[in-house]
Amino acid sequence: MTSRTLAYRTPGRYPVTKATTVFRTLAKLLGPGARWFSNTDLVEWRPVTHNTMDALLLGTGGGVLVAVLVTDED
């Protein structure tokens, strides 16, 4: 979601190593009992914005809620 754009799969906001570090940190923050929800499996999605493409990831655990929203246009 953050290392590649949704529309063209070109380099995104973060390099793969940085994106991996960020998401591992989020997973550790939420803990092993975290629950994850998304509007997409990156093949099909249910839009949550007016953009052509979007991906929403919600994680909850340890009293913390994390939301990551990525949008793109083609």
PDB file of N, CA and C in Angstrom:
ATOM      1  N   MET A   1       0.804  -1.203   0.000  1.00  0.00           N
ATOM      2  CA  MET A   1       0.000   0.000   0.000  1.00  0.00           C
ATOM      3  C   MET A   1       0.843   1.261   0.000  1.00  0.00           C
ATOM      4  N   THR A   2       1.994   1.220   0.589  1.00  0.00           N
ATOM      5  CA  THR A   2       2.787   2.446   0.686  1.00  0.00           C
ATOM      6  C   THR A   2       4.089   2.376  -0.103  1.00  0.00           C
ATOM      7  N   SER A   3       4.491   1.193  -0.522  1.00  0.00           N
ATOM      8  CA  SER A   3       5.738   1.103  -1.286  1.00  0.00           C
ATOM      9  C   SER A   3       5.491   1.079  -2.790  1.00  0.00           C
ATOM     10  N   ARG A   4       4.242   0.863  -3.198  1.00  0.00           N
ATOM     11  CA  ARG A   4       3.858   0.893  -4.613  1.00  0.00           C
ATOM     12  C   ARG A   4       2.539   1.642  -4.748  1.00  0.00           C
ATOM     13  N   THR A   5       2.383   2.401  -5.825  1.00  0.00           N
ATOM     14  CA  THR A   5       1.118   3.084  -6.042  1.00  0.00           C
ATOM     15  C   THR A   5       0.049   2.060  -6.414  1.00  0.00           C
ATOM     16  N   LEU A   6      -1.194   2.383  -6.120  1.00  0.00           N
ATOM     17  CA  LEU A   6      -2.284   1.465  -6.411  1.00  0.00           C
ATOM     18  C   LEU A   6      -2.582   1.369  -7.902  1.00  0.00           C
ATOM     19  N   ALA A   7      -2.507   2.491  -8.617  1.00  0.00           N
ATOM     20  CA  ALA A   7      -2.906   2.511 -10.021  1.00  0.00           C
ATOM     21  C   ALA A   7      -1.886   1.855 -10.946  1.00  0.00           C
ATOM     22  N   TYR A   8      -0.624   2.181 -10.802  1.00  0.00           N
ATOM     23  CA  TYR A   8       0.372   1.721 -11.775  1.00  0.00           C
ATOM     24  C   TYR A   8       1.494   0.889 -11.182  1.00  0.00           C
ATOM     25  N   ARG A   9       1.415   0.632  -9.869  1.00  0.00           N
ATOM     26  CA  ARG A   9       2.432  -0.184  -9.201  1.00  0.00           C
ATOM     27  C   ARG A   9       3.837   0.397  -9.350  1.00  0.00           C
ATOM     28  N   THR A  10       3.921   1.722  -9.465  1.00  0.00           N
ATOM     29  CA  THR A  10       5.217   2.392  -9.511  1.00  0.00           C
ATOM     30  C   THR A  10       5.648   2.685  -8.069  1.00  0.00           C
ATOM     31  N   PRO A  11       6.907   3.080  -7.846  1.00  0.00           N
ATOM     32  CA  PRO A  11       7.346   3.350  -6.476  1.00  0.00           C
ATOM     33  C   PRO A  11       6.415   4.324  -5.767  1.00  0.00           C
ATOM     34  N   GLY A  12       6.090   3.985  -4.531  1.00  0.00           N
ATOM     35  CA  GLY A  12       5.155   4.784  -3.739  1.00  0.00           C
ATOM     36  C   GLY A  12       5.858   5.694  -2.761  1.00  0.00           C
ATOM     37  N   ARG A  13       5.170   6.006  -1.684  1.00  0.00           N
ATOM     38  CA  ARG A  13       5.666   6.960  -0.691  1.00  0.00           C
ATOM     39  C   ARG A  13       6.936   6.476  -0.001  1.00  0.00           C
ATOM     40  N   TYR A  14       6.986   5.189   0.330  1.00  0.00           N
ATOM     41  CA  TYR A  14       8.138   4.636   1.044  1.00  0.00           C
ATOM     42  C   TYR A  14       8.801   3.532   0.233  1.00  0.00           C
ATOM     43  N   PRO A  15      10.128   3.385   0.351  1.00  0.00           N
ATOM     44  CA  PRO A  15      10.774   2.196  -0.200  1.00  0.00           C
ATOM     45  C   PRO A  15      10.289   0.960   0.565  1.00  0.00           C
ATOM     46  N   VAL A  16      10.413  -0.208  -0.010  1.00  0.00           N
ATOM     47  CA  VAL A  16       9.920  -1.444   0.606  1.00  0.00           C
ATOM     48  C   VAL A  16      10.474  -1.620   2.017  1.00  0.00           C
ATOM     49  N   THR A  17      11.746  -1.350   2.242  1.00  0.00           N
ATOM     50  CA  THR A  17      12.334  -1.551   3.569  1.00  0.00           C
ATOM     51  C   THR A  17      11.700  -0.631   4.606  1.00  0.00           C
ATOM     52  N   LYS A  18      11.452   0.620   4.246  1.00  0.00           N
ATOM     53  CA  LYS A  18      10.817   1.567   5.169  1.00  0.00           C
ATOM     54  C   LYS A  18       9.366   1.152   5.437  1.00  0.00           C
ATOM     55  N   ALA A  19       8.632   0.778   4.392  1.00  0.00           N
ATOM     56  CA  ALA A  19       7.235   0.350   4.557  1.00  0.00           C
ATOM     57  C   ALA A  19       7.160  -0.874   5.466  1.00  0.00           C
ATOM     58  N   THR A  20       8.060  -1.812   5.281  1.00  0.00           N
ATOM     59  CA  THR A  20       8.091  -3.011   6.116  1.00  0.00           C
ATOM     60  C   THR A  20       8.326  -2.636   7.575  1.00  0.00           C
ATOM     61  N   THR A  21       9.262  -1.741   7.814  1.00  0.00           N
ATOM     62  CA  THR A  21       9.558  -1.289   9.178  1.00  0.00           C
ATOM     63  C   THR A  21       8.348  -0.608   9.804  1.00  0.00           C
ATOM     64  N   VAL A  22       7.700   0.269   9.057  1.00  0.00           N
ATOM     65  CA  VAL A  22       6.532   0.987   9.570  1.00  0.00           C
ATOM     66  C   VAL A  22       5.418   0.008   9.935  1.00  0.00           C
ATOM     67  N   PHE A  23       5.101  -0.927   9.047  1.00  0.00           N
ATOM     68  CA  PHE A  23       3.999  -1.840   9.309  1.00  0.00           C
ATOM     69  C   PHE A  23       4.340  -2.868  10.389  1.00  0.00           C
ATOM     70  N   ARG A  24       5.581  -3.271  10.488  1.00  0.00           N
ATOM     71  CA  ARG A  24       5.984  -4.153  11.594  1.00  0.00           C
ATOM     72  C   ARG A  24       5.834  -3.430  12.935  1.00  0.00           C
ATOM     73  N   THR A  25       6.192  -2.158  12.960  1.00  0.00           N
ATOM     74  CA  THR A  25       6.049  -1.360  14.177  1.00  0.00           C
ATOM     75  C   THR A  25       4.578  -1.235  14.560  1.00  0.00           C
ATOM     76  N   LEU A  26       3.719  -1.003  13.587  1.00  0.00           N
ATOM     77  CA  LEU A  26       2.283  -0.923  13.866  1.00  0.00           C
ATOM     78  C   LEU A  26       1.754  -2.258  14.401  1.00  0.00           C
ATOM     79  N   ALA A  27       2.158  -3.359  13.786  1.00  0.00           N
ATOM     80  CA  ALA A  27       1.711  -4.683  14.231  1.00  0.00           C
ATOM     81  C   ALA A  27       2.185  -4.958  15.659  1.00  0.00           C
ATOM     82  N   LYS A  28       3.415  -4.580  15.966  1.00  0.00           N
ATOM     83  CA  LYS A  28       3.950  -4.775  17.318  1.00  0.00           C
ATOM     84  C   LYS A  28       3.189  -3.909  18.321  1.00  0.00           C
ATOM     85  N   LEU A  29       2.869  -2.680  17.941  1.00  0.00           N
ATOM     86  CA  LEU A  29       2.115  -1.775  18.804  1.00  0.00           C
ATOM     87  C   LEU A  29       0.749  -2.361  19.167  1.00  0.00           C
ATOM     88  N   LEU A  30       0.086  -2.976  18.197  1.00  0.00           N
ATOM     89  CA  LEU A  30      -1.247  -3.531  18.423  1.00  0.00           C
ATOM     90  C   LEU A  30      -1.210  -4.884  19.120  1.00  0.00           C
ATOM     91  N   GLY A  31      -0.122  -5.602  18.992  1.00  0.00           N
ATOM     92  CA  GLY A  31       0.028  -6.875  19.688  1.00  0.00           C
ATOM     93  C   GLY A  31      -0.485  -8.079  18.906  1.00  0.00           C
ATOM     94  N   PRO A  32      -0.181  -9.284  19.423  1.00  0.00           N
ATOM     95  CA  PRO A  32      -0.511 -10.516  18.707  1.00  0.00           C
ATOM     96  C   PRO A  32      -2.016 -10.787  18.596  1.00  0.00           C
ATOM     97  N   GLY A  33      -2.830 -10.192  19.453  1.00  0.00           N
ATOM     98  CA  GLY A  33      -4.276 -10.394  19.384  1.00  0.00           C
ATOM     99  C   GLY A  33      -4.983  -9.366  18.520  1.00  0.00           C
ATOM    100  N   ALA A  34      -4.226  -8.601  17.740  1.00  0.00           N
ATOM    101  CA  ALA A  34      -4.808  -7.532  16.927  1.00  0.00           C
ATOM    102  C   ALA A  34      -5.800  -8.090  15.912  1.00  0.00           C
ATOM    103  N   ARG A  35      -6.776  -7.272  15.604  1.00  0.00           N
ATOM    104  CA  ARG A  35      -7.736  -7.588  14.545  1.00  0.00           C
ATOM    105  C   ARG A  35      -7.527  -6.585  13.427  1.00  0.00           C
ATOM    106  N   TRP A  36      -7.525  -7.071  12.208  1.00  0.00           N
ATOM    107  CA  TRP A  36      -7.265  -6.234  11.044  1.00  0.00           C
ATOM    108  C   TRP A  36      -8.462  -6.260  10.106  1.00  0.00           C
ATOM    109  N   PHE A  37      -8.761  -5.121   9.504  1.00  0.00           N
ATOM    110  CA  PHE A  37      -9.873  -4.984   8.571  1.00  0.00           C
ATOM    111  C   PHE A  37      -9.404  -4.153   7.381  1.00  0.00           C
ATOM    112  N   SER A  38      -9.937  -4.451   6.193  1.00  0.00           N
ATOM    113  CA  SER A  38      -9.588  -3.686   5.006  1.00  0.00           C
ATOM    114  C   SER A  38     -10.762  -3.661   4.037  1.00  0.00           C
ATOM    115  N   ASN A  39     -10.782  -2.659   3.189  1.00  0.00           N
ATOM    116  CA  ASN A  39     -11.796  -2.584   2.148  1.00  0.00           C
ATOM    117  C   ASN A  39     -11.323  -3.252   0.858  1.00  0.00           C
ATOM    118  N   THR A  40     -10.125  -3.837   0.883  1.00  0.00           N
ATOM    119  CA  THR A  40      -9.557  -4.382  -0.344  1.00  0.00           C
ATOM    120  C   THR A  40      -8.616  -5.543  -0.073  1.00  0.00           C
ATOM    121  N   ASP A  41      -8.480  -6.401  -1.064  1.00  0.00           N
ATOM    122  CA  ASP A  41      -7.420  -7.403  -1.064  1.00  0.00           C
ATOM    123  C   ASP A  41      -6.435  -7.068  -2.188  1.00  0.00           C
ATOM    124  N   LEU A  42      -6.518  -5.830  -2.684  1.00  0.00           N
ATOM    125  CA  LEU A  42      -5.724  -5.257  -3.774  1.00  0.00           C
ATOM    126  C   LEU A  42      -6.052  -5.879  -5.126  1.00  0.00           C
ATOM    127  N   VAL A  43      -7.112  -6.663  -5.197  1.00  0.00           N
ATOM    128  CA  VAL A  43      -7.657  -7.153  -6.455  1.00  0.00           C
ATOM    129  C   VAL A  43      -9.071  -6.594  -6.616  1.00  0.00           C
ATOM    130  N   GLU A  44      -9.855  -6.703  -5.558  1.00  0.00           N
ATOM    131  CA  GLU A  44     -11.192  -6.125  -5.513  1.00  0.00           C
ATOM    132  C   GLU A  44     -11.273  -5.203  -4.302  1.00  0.00           C
ATOM    133  N   TRP A  45     -12.148  -4.195  -4.372  1.00  0.00           N
ATOM    134  CA  TRP A  45     -12.306  -3.334  -3.212  1.00  0.00           C
ATOM    135  C   TRP A  45     -13.678  -2.696  -3.185  1.00  0.00           C
ATOM    136  N   ARG A  46     -14.019  -2.242  -2.010  1.00  0.00           N
ATOM    137  CA  ARG A  46     -15.227  -1.456  -1.786  1.00  0.00           C
ATOM    138  C   ARG A  46     -14.754  -0.043  -1.449  1.00  0.00           C
ATOM    139  N   PRO A  47     -14.927   0.895  -2.368  1.00  0.00           N
ATOM    140  CA  PRO A  47     -14.392   2.241  -2.169  1.00  0.00           C
ATOM    141  C   PRO A  47     -14.884   2.903  -0.887  1.00  0.00           C
ATOM    142  N   VAL A  48     -13.999   3.672  -0.280  1.00  0.00           N
ATOM    143  CA  VAL A  48     -14.351   4.475   0.897  1.00  0.00           C
ATOM    144  C   VAL A  48     -14.149   5.968   0.626  1.00  0.00           C
ATOM    145  N   THR A  49     -13.624   6.305  -0.556  1.00  0.00           N
ATOM    146  CA  THR A  49     -13.427   7.701  -0.960  1.00  0.00           C
ATOM    147  C   THR A  49     -13.984   7.879  -2.369  1.00  0.00           C
ATOM    148  N   HIS A  50     -13.866   9.083  -2.891  1.00  0.00           N
ATOM    149  CA  HIS A  50     -14.296   9.358  -4.260  1.00  0.00           C
ATOM    150  C   HIS A  50     -13.149   9.185  -5.257  1.00  0.00           C
ATOM    151  N   ASN A  51     -11.986   8.778  -4.793  1.00  0.00           N
ATOM    152  CA  ASN A  51     -10.848   8.556  -5.680  1.00  0.00           C
ATOM    153  C   ASN A  51     -11.083   7.309  -6.525  1.00  0.00           C
ATOM    154  N   THR A  52     -10.345   7.204  -7.635  1.00  0.00           N
ATOM    155  CA  THR A  52     -10.468   6.032  -8.497  1.00  0.00           C
ATOM    156  C   THR A  52     -10.131   4.762  -7.736  1.00  0.00           C
ATOM    157  N   MET A  53      -9.077   4.807  -6.932  1.00  0.00           N
ATOM    158  CA  MET A  53      -8.657   3.655  -6.139  1.00  0.00           C
ATOM    159  C   MET A  53      -8.342   4.110  -4.727  1.00  0.00           C
ATOM    160  N   ASP A  54      -8.653   3.265  -3.776  1.00  0.00           N
ATOM    161  CA  ASP A  54      -8.258   3.537  -2.399  1.00  0.00           C
ATOM    162  C   ASP A  54      -8.079   2.222  -1.662  1.00  0.00           C
ATOM    163  N   ALA A  55      -7.309   2.264  -0.629  1.00  0.00           N
ATOM    164  CA  ALA A  55      -7.105   1.102   0.233  1.00  0.00           C
ATOM    165  C   ALA A  55      -7.104   1.608   1.670  1.00  0.00           C
ATOM    166  N   LEU A  56      -7.972   1.013   2.480  1.00  0.00           N
ATOM    167  CA  LEU A  56      -8.074   1.376   3.884  1.00  0.00           C
ATOM    168  C   LEU A  56      -7.724   0.156   4.719  1.00  0.00           C
ATOM    169  N   LEU A  57      -6.814   0.326   5.643  1.00  0.00           N
ATOM    170  CA  LEU A  57      -6.422  -0.730   6.568  1.00  0.00           C
ATOM    171  C   LEU A  57      -6.666  -0.227   7.980  1.00  0.00           C
ATOM    172  N   LEU A  58      -7.459  -0.981   8.729  1.00  0.00           N
ATOM    173  CA  LEU A  58      -7.717  -0.662  10.130  1.00  0.00           C
ATOM    174  C   LEU A  58      -7.185  -1.790  10.985  1.00  0.00           C
ATOM    175  N   GLY A  59      -6.499  -1.439  12.038  1.00  0.00           N
ATOM    176  CA  GLY A  59      -6.015  -2.424  12.993  1.00  0.00           C
ATOM    177  C   GLY A  59      -6.392  -1.987  14.390  1.00  0.00           C
ATOM    178  N   THR A  60      -6.789  -2.941  15.224  1.00  0.00           N
ATOM    179  CA  THR A  60      -7.143  -2.614  16.598  1.00  0.00           C
ATOM    180  C   THR A  60      -6.611  -3.679  17.542  1.00  0.00           C
ATOM    181  N   GLY A  61      -6.080  -3.224  18.643  1.00  0.00           N
ATOM    182  CA  GLY A  61      -5.540  -4.128  19.656  1.00  0.00           C
ATOM    183  C   GLY A  61      -4.797  -3.344  20.709  1.00  0.00           C
ATOM    184  N   GLY A  62      -4.732  -3.883  21.917  1.00  0.00           N
ATOM    185  CA  GLY A  62      -4.003  -3.228  22.992  1.00  0.00           C
ATOM    186  C   GLY A  62      -4.513  -1.838  23.309  1.00  0.00           C
ATOM    187  N   GLY A  63      -5.804  -1.593  23.066  1.00  0.00           N
ATOM    188  CA  GLY A  63      -6.366  -0.279  23.339  1.00  0.00           C
ATOM    189  C   GLY A  63      -6.014   0.773  22.307  1.00  0.00           C
ATOM    190  N   VAL A  64      -5.497   0.342  21.166  1.00  0.00           N
ATOM    191  CA  VAL A  64      -5.065   1.266  20.114  1.00  0.00           C
ATOM    192  C   VAL A  64      -5.826   0.939  18.828  1.00  0.00           C
ATOM    193  N   LEU A  65      -6.191   1.970  18.078  1.00  0.00           N
ATOM    194  CA  LEU A  65      -6.783   1.834  16.753  1.00  0.00           C
ATOM    195  C   LEU A  65      -5.881   2.544  15.767  1.00  0.00           C
ATOM    196  N   VAL A  66      -5.500   1.849  14.698  1.00  0.00           N
ATOM    197  CA  VAL A  66      -4.639   2.422  13.667  1.00  0.00           C
ATOM    198  C   VAL A  66      -5.400   2.406  12.351  1.00  0.00           C
ATOM    199  N   ALA A  67      -5.359   3.511  11.621  1.00  0.00           N
ATOM    200  CA  ALA A  67      -5.979   3.590  10.297  1.00  0.00           C
ATOM    201  C   ALA A  67      -4.928   4.066   9.302  1.00  0.00           C
ATOM    202  N   VAL A  68      -4.828   3.336   8.188  1.00  0.00           N
ATOM    203  CA  VAL A  68      -3.944   3.736   7.093  1.00  0.00           C
ATOM    204  C   VAL A  68      -4.808   3.834   5.853  1.00  0.00           C
ATOM    205  N   LEU A  69      -4.835   5.007   5.219  1.00  0.00           N
ATOM    206  CA  LEU A  69      -5.627   5.225   4.017  1.00  0.00           C
ATOM    207  C   LEU A  69      -4.704   5.663   2.896  1.00  0.00           C
ATOM    208  N   VAL A  70      -4.785   4.973   1.781  1.00  0.00           N
ATOM    209  CA  VAL A  70      -4.003   5.304   0.595  1.00  0.00           C
ATOM    210  C   VAL A  70      -4.984   5.511  -0.552  1.00  0.00           C
ATOM    211  N   THR A  71      -4.810   6.586  -1.316  1.00  0.00           N
ATOM    212  CA  THR A  71      -5.657   6.833  -2.476  1.00  0.00           C
ATOM    213  C   THR A  71      -4.791   7.025  -3.714  1.00  0.00           C
ATOM    214  N   ASP A  72      -5.383   6.811  -4.891  1.00  0.00           N
ATOM    215  CA  ASP A  72      -4.646   6.972  -6.131  1.00  0.00           C
ATOM    216  C   ASP A  72      -5.637   7.243  -7.257  1.00  0.00           C
ATOM    217  N   GLU A  73      -5.167   7.839  -8.309  1.00  0.00           N
ATOM    218  CA  GLU A  73      -5.946   8.098  -9.521  1.00  0.00           C
ATOM    219  C   GLU A  73      -5.212   7.516 -10.706  1.00  0.00           C
ATOM    220  N   ASP A  74      -5.966   7.046 -11.675  1.00  0.00           N
ATOM    221  CA  ASP A  74      -5.309   6.545 -12.898  1.00  0.00           C
ATOM    222  C   ASP A  74      -5.597   7.443 -14.061  1.00  0.00           C
TER     223      ASP A  74
END
